[in-house]
Protein backbone atom coordinates (compact mmCIF):
# COMPACT_ATOMS: atom_id res chain seq x y z
CA MET A 1 -203.17 -61.70 130.44
CA LYS A 2 -200.07 -62.58 129.91
CA GLN A 3 -199.70 -61.00 126.91
CA PHE A 4 -200.75 -57.32 128.35
CA ILE A 5 -198.79 -57.91 131.34
CA ARG A 6 -195.43 -58.43 128.85
CA ILE A 7 -196.34 -55.11 126.81
CA SER A 8 -197.14 -53.27 129.93
CA TYR A 9 -193.31 -54.32 130.88
CA LEU A 10 -191.82 -53.29 128.06
CA PHE A 11 -193.58 -50.08 128.11
CA LEU A 12 -192.12 -49.44 131.94
CA LEU A 13 -189.21 -50.56 130.62
CA PHE A 14 -189.39 -47.51 128.07
CA TYR A 15 -190.12 -45.05 130.23
CA LEU A 16 -188.05 -45.60 133.10
CA ALA A 17 -184.56 -45.20 130.28
CA VAL A 18 -186.11 -42.38 128.96
CA PHE A 19 -186.67 -40.76 132.49
CA LEU A 20 -182.62 -42.07 133.27
CA ALA A 21 -181.61 -40.30 129.33
CA CYS A 22 -183.31 -37.01 130.61
CA GLY A 23 -182.17 -36.93 134.28
CA GLN A 24 -178.52 -37.22 133.09
CA ALA A 25 -178.96 -34.91 130.43
CA ASP A 26 -175.78 -32.43 132.14
CA ASP A 27 -178.70 -31.66 134.69
CA ILE A 28 -180.58 -29.22 131.98
CA LYS A 29 -183.74 -27.52 133.80
CA SER A 30 -185.37 -26.77 130.81
CA PRO A 31 -185.07 -26.45 127.24
CA LYS A 32 -184.69 -22.13 127.23
CA GLU A 33 -180.82 -23.21 128.50
CA LEU A 34 -179.94 -25.06 125.59
CA LEU A 35 -180.75 -21.42 124.00
CA SER A 36 -178.35 -19.54 126.31
CA LEU A 37 -175.04 -17.85 124.98
CA PRO A 38 -174.55 -16.56 128.63
CA GLU A 39 -175.39 -20.03 130.22
CA TYR A 40 -173.40 -21.87 127.76
CA HIS A 41 -170.57 -19.68 128.51
CA ARG A 42 -170.65 -20.15 132.44
CA HIS A 43 -171.01 -23.72 131.71
CA LEU A 44 -167.54 -23.40 129.81
CA LEU A 45 -166.00 -21.37 132.78
CA ARG A 46 -167.19 -23.95 135.42
CA GLU A 47 -165.14 -26.85 133.36
CA MET A 48 -161.93 -24.59 132.45
CA LYS A 49 -159.10 -26.08 133.82
CA PRO A 50 -156.45 -23.61 132.85
CA ALA A 51 -153.15 -25.51 132.08
CA LEU A 52 -150.86 -23.02 133.18
CA ALA A 53 -152.12 -22.33 137.00
CA PHE A 54 -149.82 -21.50 139.94
CA GLU A 55 -149.95 -24.74 141.46
CA GLY A 56 -147.34 -24.09 143.91
CA THR A 57 -144.42 -25.71 142.20
CA ASP A 58 -141.06 -25.77 143.05
CA ASP A 59 -139.31 -24.04 139.91
CA VAL A 60 -141.44 -20.54 140.34
CA GLU A 61 -138.84 -19.19 138.24
CA LYS A 62 -139.32 -21.52 135.62
CA TRP A 63 -143.39 -21.27 136.05
CA GLN A 64 -143.25 -17.66 135.05
CA ARG A 65 -141.29 -17.59 132.26
CA MET A 66 -143.60 -20.36 131.04
CA LEU A 67 -146.80 -17.92 131.18
CA ARG A 68 -145.14 -14.83 130.67
CA SER A 69 -143.98 -16.34 127.19
CA LYS A 70 -147.90 -17.61 126.77
CA LEU A 71 -149.11 -14.14 127.82
CA ALA A 72 -145.96 -12.52 125.91
CA HIS A 73 -147.54 -14.64 123.21
CA ILE A 74 -151.85 -13.84 123.67
CA LEU A 75 -150.85 -10.16 123.81
CA CYS A 76 -149.40 -10.46 120.38
CA LEU A 77 -146.14 -8.82 121.66
CA PRO A 78 -142.80 -8.81 118.72
CA ASP A 79 -140.51 -11.21 120.73
CA GLU A 80 -137.61 -8.96 119.94
CA TRP A 81 -137.45 -4.85 118.68
CA ASN A 82 -134.63 -1.87 118.23
CA ARG A 83 -134.37 -0.41 121.27
CA ASN A 84 -133.34 2.50 120.35
CA VAL A 85 -135.46 5.26 120.34
CA LYS A 86 -136.70 8.30 118.40
CA SER A 87 -137.90 11.35 120.47
CA ASP A 88 -138.61 14.75 120.97
CA ILE A 89 -138.36 16.94 124.28
CA VAL A 90 -139.95 20.41 124.37
CA PHE A 91 -139.86 22.92 127.18
CA LYS A 92 -143.67 23.99 128.74
CA GLU A 93 -143.59 24.98 131.61
CA GLU A 94 -142.12 25.25 135.18
CA THR A 95 -144.04 25.86 138.72
CA GLU A 96 -142.86 25.26 141.94
CA ASP A 97 -143.10 22.26 142.28
CA TYR A 98 -141.49 20.57 139.08
CA ILE A 99 -140.69 21.40 135.14
CA SER A 100 -142.87 20.01 132.26
CA TYR A 101 -142.16 19.12 129.39
CA ARG A 102 -143.82 17.84 126.44
CA VAL A 103 -142.41 14.61 125.04
CA SER A 104 -143.24 12.18 122.12
CA PHE A 105 -141.19 9.16 120.81
CA ARG A 106 -142.18 5.73 118.50
CA ALA A 107 -143.30 3.29 119.27
CA GLU A 108 -142.99 1.67 115.89
CA GLN A 109 -142.48 3.04 112.50
CA LYS A 110 -146.32 4.69 112.01
CA ALA A 111 -146.89 4.39 115.54
CA LEU A 112 -145.61 7.88 118.25
CA VAL A 113 -146.68 8.22 121.61
CA PRO A 114 -147.36 11.87 123.11
CA GLY A 115 -146.90 12.76 126.92
CA TYR A 116 -145.70 14.71 129.26
CA LEU A 117 -142.55 14.45 131.56
CA LEU A 118 -142.91 15.98 134.77
CA LYS A 119 -139.38 16.38 136.90
CA PRO A 120 -139.34 17.09 140.89
CA LYS A 121 -137.75 20.44 141.71
CA LYS A 122 -137.26 19.34 145.42
CA VAL A 123 -134.89 16.78 145.46
CA ASN A 124 -132.08 15.30 143.36
CA PRO A 125 -131.98 13.35 139.99
CA PRO A 126 -131.51 10.77 139.01
CA PHE A 127 -135.18 10.79 139.92
CA PRO A 128 -137.08 7.11 140.17
CA VAL A 129 -139.77 7.22 137.49
CA MET A 130 -143.87 6.67 138.00
CA ILE A 131 -145.42 6.02 134.50
CA CYS A 132 -148.52 7.36 134.11
CA LEU A 133 -151.64 5.51 132.75
CA GLN A 134 -155.90 6.57 132.47
CA GLY A 135 -158.59 4.90 131.35
CA HIS A 136 -161.27 5.57 129.17
CA ARG A 137 -161.48 9.02 129.62
CA LYS A 138 -161.93 11.24 125.89
CA SER A 139 -159.16 13.46 128.05
CA GLY A 140 -156.86 11.24 128.83
CA MET A 141 -153.69 12.06 129.31
CA ARG A 142 -154.56 15.48 130.73
CA VAL A 143 -156.50 14.01 133.30
CA SER A 144 -153.08 12.73 134.10
CA ILE A 145 -150.88 16.14 134.69
CA GLY A 146 -153.71 18.05 136.37
CA GLN A 147 -155.84 20.00 133.55
CA LYS A 148 -158.42 17.98 133.37
CA LYS A 149 -160.08 18.40 137.00
CA THR A 150 -162.04 14.83 138.47
CA ARG A 151 -163.16 14.08 141.70
CA ASP A 152 -161.42 10.61 141.51
CA GLY A 153 -158.04 11.28 142.51
CA LEU A 154 -156.89 10.53 139.08
CA ASP A 155 -154.28 12.91 138.53
CA PHE A 156 -151.44 10.72 139.28
CA ALA A 157 -148.33 12.86 137.36
CA ILE A 158 -149.37 15.69 139.74
CA GLN A 159 -149.54 13.34 142.56
CA ALA A 160 -145.51 11.80 141.71
CA VAL A 161 -143.78 14.83 141.97
CA GLN A 162 -145.02 15.89 144.82
CA ASN A 163 -143.81 13.07 146.42
CA GLY A 164 -140.67 12.93 144.81
CA TRP A 165 -140.60 10.94 141.55
CA ALA A 166 -140.32 12.04 137.65
CA ALA A 167 -143.44 11.36 135.95
CA LEU A 168 -144.27 10.66 132.55
CA ALA A 169 -147.86 10.39 131.68
CA ILE A 170 -148.22 8.91 128.28
CA GLU A 171 -151.17 8.99 125.95
CA GLN A 172 -152.76 5.36 125.08
CA ARG A 173 -153.86 4.22 122.14
CA GLY A 174 -157.65 4.43 121.50
CA PHE A 175 -157.55 8.20 124.42
CA GLY A 176 -157.46 11.16 124.21
CA GLU A 177 -154.77 12.96 121.21
CA ARG A 178 -155.24 9.33 120.00
CA ALA A 179 -158.82 9.29 120.33
CA ALA A 180 -160.71 6.11 118.35
CA LEU A 181 -164.01 3.98 118.51
CA CYS A 182 -161.52 1.88 120.61
CA SER A 183 -164.30 -1.02 120.72
CA HIS A 184 -164.29 -1.06 116.89
CA GLU A 185 -160.42 -0.34 116.43
CA ALA A 186 -160.05 -3.87 119.27
CA LEU A 187 -161.57 -5.77 116.90
CA ASN A 188 -159.69 -4.63 113.89
CA ALA A 189 -156.81 -5.56 115.45
CA LEU A 190 -157.58 -9.25 116.22
CA MET A 191 -158.49 -9.31 112.27
CA LEU A 192 -154.83 -8.13 111.62
CA GLY A 193 -153.08 -9.97 114.25
CA LYS A 194 -152.82 -8.15 117.15
CA THR A 195 -154.93 -7.25 120.24
CA LEU A 196 -155.34 -3.59 121.11
CA ILE A 197 -154.68 -4.27 125.03
CA GLY A 198 -151.38 -5.56 123.40
CA GLU A 199 -150.24 -2.22 121.37
CA ARG A 200 -151.04 -0.53 124.60
CA VAL A 201 -148.81 -2.44 126.56
CA PHE A 202 -146.12 -1.89 123.97
CA ASP A 203 -146.25 1.70 124.26
CA VAL A 204 -145.87 1.35 128.01
CA MET A 205 -142.46 -0.77 127.23
CA ARG A 206 -141.35 1.77 124.75
CA ALA A 207 -141.84 4.06 127.22
CA VAL A 208 -138.92 2.25 129.65
CA ASP A 209 -136.92 2.27 126.62
CA PHE A 210 -137.58 5.78 126.47
CA ILE A 211 -136.69 5.94 130.49
CA SER A 212 -133.65 4.58 129.87
CA THR A 213 -132.23 7.13 127.53
CA GLN A 214 -132.26 10.04 130.08
CA THR A 215 -129.83 10.51 132.35
CA ASP A 216 -131.54 12.45 134.53
CA LEU A 217 -134.01 9.57 135.16
CA ASN A 218 -133.37 6.48 137.39
CA ALA A 219 -133.71 3.10 134.70
CA GLU A 220 -133.57 0.69 137.90
CA ARG A 221 -136.57 2.77 139.56
CA ILE A 222 -139.56 2.58 137.23
CA GLY A 223 -143.11 2.22 138.72
CA CYS A 224 -146.33 2.41 136.27
CA MET A 225 -149.78 3.14 137.90
CA GLY A 226 -153.00 3.54 136.26
CA ASN A 227 -156.67 3.33 137.07
CA SER A 228 -159.21 1.20 135.18
CA MET A 229 -158.17 0.37 132.21
CA GLY A 230 -154.63 2.53 133.22
CA GLY A 231 -154.60 0.06 135.69
CA THR A 232 -155.11 -3.04 133.92
CA ILE A 233 -152.26 -1.68 131.10
CA ALA A 234 -150.06 -1.18 134.44
CA PHE A 235 -150.63 -4.51 135.34
CA TYR A 236 -150.27 -6.96 132.47
CA ALA A 237 -147.26 -4.24 130.97
CA ALA A 238 -145.12 -5.20 134.64
CA CYS A 239 -146.35 -8.36 133.99
CA VAL A 240 -144.34 -8.88 130.63
CA ASP A 241 -141.67 -6.42 131.44
CA PRO A 242 -139.21 -7.15 134.51
CA ARG A 243 -137.82 -3.66 134.25
CA ILE A 244 -141.05 -2.25 135.89
CA ARG A 245 -140.11 -2.60 139.09
CA LEU A 246 -143.42 -1.28 140.71
CA ALA A 247 -146.93 -1.80 139.82
CA VAL A 248 -149.96 0.11 141.07
CA VAL A 249 -153.14 -1.45 139.53
CA SER A 250 -156.63 0.23 140.44
CA CYS A 251 -159.76 -0.81 140.02
CA SER A 252 -158.74 -3.62 137.54
CA PHE A 253 -157.50 -6.75 139.18
CA CYS A 254 -160.44 -9.33 139.89
CA THR A 255 -160.54 -13.17 138.49
CA TYR A 256 -162.04 -12.69 135.07
CA ALA A 257 -165.39 -14.33 136.33
CA ASP A 258 -166.28 -11.81 138.35
CA SER A 259 -164.77 -8.97 136.79
CA TRP A 260 -164.79 -8.92 133.21
CA ILE A 261 -166.97 -12.02 132.53
CA LYS A 262 -169.99 -10.73 135.01
CA PHE A 263 -169.74 -7.68 134.08
CA PRO A 264 -169.70 -5.69 130.22
CA HIS A 265 -166.32 -3.89 129.72
CA CYS A 266 -165.08 -2.46 126.57
CA ALA A 267 -164.06 -5.06 123.53
CA CYS A 268 -160.42 -2.70 123.87
CA GLY A 269 -159.20 -5.23 127.23
CA TYR A 270 -160.17 -8.89 126.48
CA LEU A 271 -157.58 -11.66 125.52
CA PRO A 272 -158.07 -14.23 123.52
CA GLY A 273 -158.15 -18.04 124.97
CA ILE A 274 -156.36 -16.56 128.21
CA LEU A 275 -158.59 -18.71 130.95
CA GLN A 276 -157.35 -21.67 128.85
CA TYR A 277 -153.94 -20.83 130.99
CA ALA A 278 -154.53 -18.94 133.77
CA ASP A 279 -156.84 -16.63 135.76
CA MET A 280 -155.65 -13.05 136.88
CA GLY A 281 -154.23 -14.15 140.09
CA ASP A 282 -152.00 -16.88 138.25
CA ILE A 283 -150.65 -13.71 135.76
CA GLY A 284 -150.05 -11.00 139.33
CA GLY A 285 -147.62 -13.74 140.01
CA LEU A 286 -145.60 -12.68 137.55
CA ILE A 287 -144.55 -9.81 139.17
CA ALA A 288 -143.09 -11.44 141.83
CA PRO A 289 -140.83 -11.26 143.78
CA ARG A 290 -140.96 -6.88 142.58
CA TYR A 291 -143.89 -4.91 144.28
CA LEU A 292 -147.45 -4.86 143.28
CA ILE A 293 -149.69 -2.39 145.46
CA ILE A 294 -153.27 -3.64 143.94
CA VAL A 295 -156.00 -0.89 145.03
CA ALA A 296 -159.33 -1.89 144.76
CA GLY A 297 -163.52 0.30 146.06
CA LYS A 298 -165.50 -1.65 147.97
CA HIS A 299 -168.58 -0.54 145.83
CA ASP A 300 -166.82 -0.79 142.84
CA PRO A 301 -169.51 -1.44 140.08
CA ILE A 302 -167.71 -3.83 137.65
CA ALA A 303 -165.75 -6.08 139.96
CA THR A 304 -166.63 -7.66 143.10
CA LEU A 305 -164.93 -7.87 146.31
CA SER A 306 -165.25 -11.06 146.61
CA GLY A 307 -163.41 -11.78 143.33
CA VAL A 308 -160.74 -9.07 143.88
CA ARG A 309 -159.95 -11.00 147.74
CA GLU A 310 -159.75 -14.61 145.74
CA ALA A 311 -157.83 -13.21 143.30
CA PHE A 312 -155.06 -11.45 145.52
CA ASP A 313 -154.97 -14.61 147.49
CA ARG A 314 -153.73 -16.24 144.53
CA THR A 315 -151.26 -13.81 143.59
CA ASN A 316 -149.91 -14.32 147.46
CA SER A 317 -149.21 -17.92 146.93
CA VAL A 318 -146.83 -16.95 144.31
CA PHE A 319 -145.22 -14.10 146.08
CA SER A 320 -144.90 -16.58 149.26
CA ALA A 321 -143.61 -19.35 147.38
CA MET A 322 -140.89 -16.82 146.95
CA GLY A 323 -140.79 -15.39 150.25
CA TYR A 324 -141.74 -11.77 149.00
CA GLU A 325 -145.37 -11.45 150.42
CA LYS A 326 -143.94 -8.26 151.84
CA ASN A 327 -144.04 -6.55 148.58
CA LEU A 328 -148.12 -6.95 147.77
CA SER A 329 -150.14 -5.03 149.08
CA LEU A 330 -154.32 -4.55 148.67
CA ILE A 331 -155.86 -1.72 149.67
CA ILE A 332 -159.77 -1.26 149.70
CA GLY A 333 -160.95 2.33 150.00
CA ASN A 334 -164.92 2.99 150.79
CA GLY A 335 -165.71 3.49 147.71
CA GLY A 336 -166.51 3.34 144.13
CA HIS A 337 -164.34 2.66 140.71
CA LYS A 338 -161.83 5.89 141.44
CA PHE A 339 -158.10 5.76 142.86
CA TYR A 340 -157.44 6.51 146.98
CA PRO A 341 -154.30 8.68 146.33
CA ASP A 342 -154.06 8.87 150.45
CA LEU A 343 -154.64 4.93 150.46
CA ALA A 344 -152.03 4.43 148.22
CA TRP A 345 -149.11 6.63 148.35
CA PRO A 346 -147.90 5.20 152.32
CA LYS A 347 -147.53 2.47 150.37
CA ILE A 348 -145.86 3.36 147.41
CA ARG A 349 -143.27 6.53 149.54
CA ALA A 350 -142.43 2.95 151.45
CA VAL A 351 -141.50 1.17 148.39
CA LYS A 352 -139.59 4.35 147.78
CA ASP A 353 -137.90 4.11 150.48
CA ARG A 354 -136.76 1.35 150.34
CA TRP A 355 -134.82 1.74 146.84
CA LYS A 356 -132.65 4.54 148.79
CA PRO A 357 -129.19 3.03 148.89
């Protein structure tokens, strides 16, 4: 009898140990969760602690230098480049509001960037300049200059000249005249030690170099705007290039968790390892104290509004720490994944007015 009690007691201890061990197995509810790749990535996301997240440091500019350097490295941008620009400018047409030129310039030896330069007729030079970027559209920059009509408010260059800006609409790699299967080319770029998103950002930086060569364009008053992937490139370009004084970022700003991770996107927009260092709201702080206008759609299917607000709050903490919270704006349109000109341009005009001598 005593031996039976002793054996029963040992079995009880054994099952208790097994029960406790199972209860501590990372809260796994079922073995299927061990097979789930999305659940594995969500677990990594929950555990992630970005090393360069903004924590209210006293030396904001030092923090900006560190994160900007890391972002440029992740984008695979060159440390230095020849700022001279080989370009070609040809008269295209004249309308009541503007003169249009067909332009092209070399971003790299084997990378030609085509575009259109529109100069307003009703204001005097030197003109402030808006660099205009489209997203995933076969018609590319032709949307920006109004040659391809949409209902999404995307004729950025036309809007710009109507508001007293010169406009430089460039063709991004993978779109329009530079069409390619960008998801495939994004992976090819990774194999070559580059990123497609970084190559697009570099095209914008070279566009700034081009603007600096034009005497009737004001290189101290450069903006960059875009929707969707165009907004994404405008955002990162402004983050790494302080020569861009205003970024208008439409339907492309949100926490990574509530946009890029939650919803499938094209591979061309993902940044390797970015969440080890910062979220999008932190990165937005690199634009301070310059101007940043964020445009979002209340019903955007690939970015939650709560994620937009969360990212905005993080960016605002940086602007506020520098005393420039008035230079940051959030505009929410009552629609989907599109630009909202009637809401955005009053803010853009206000920035332009502040730039007046």
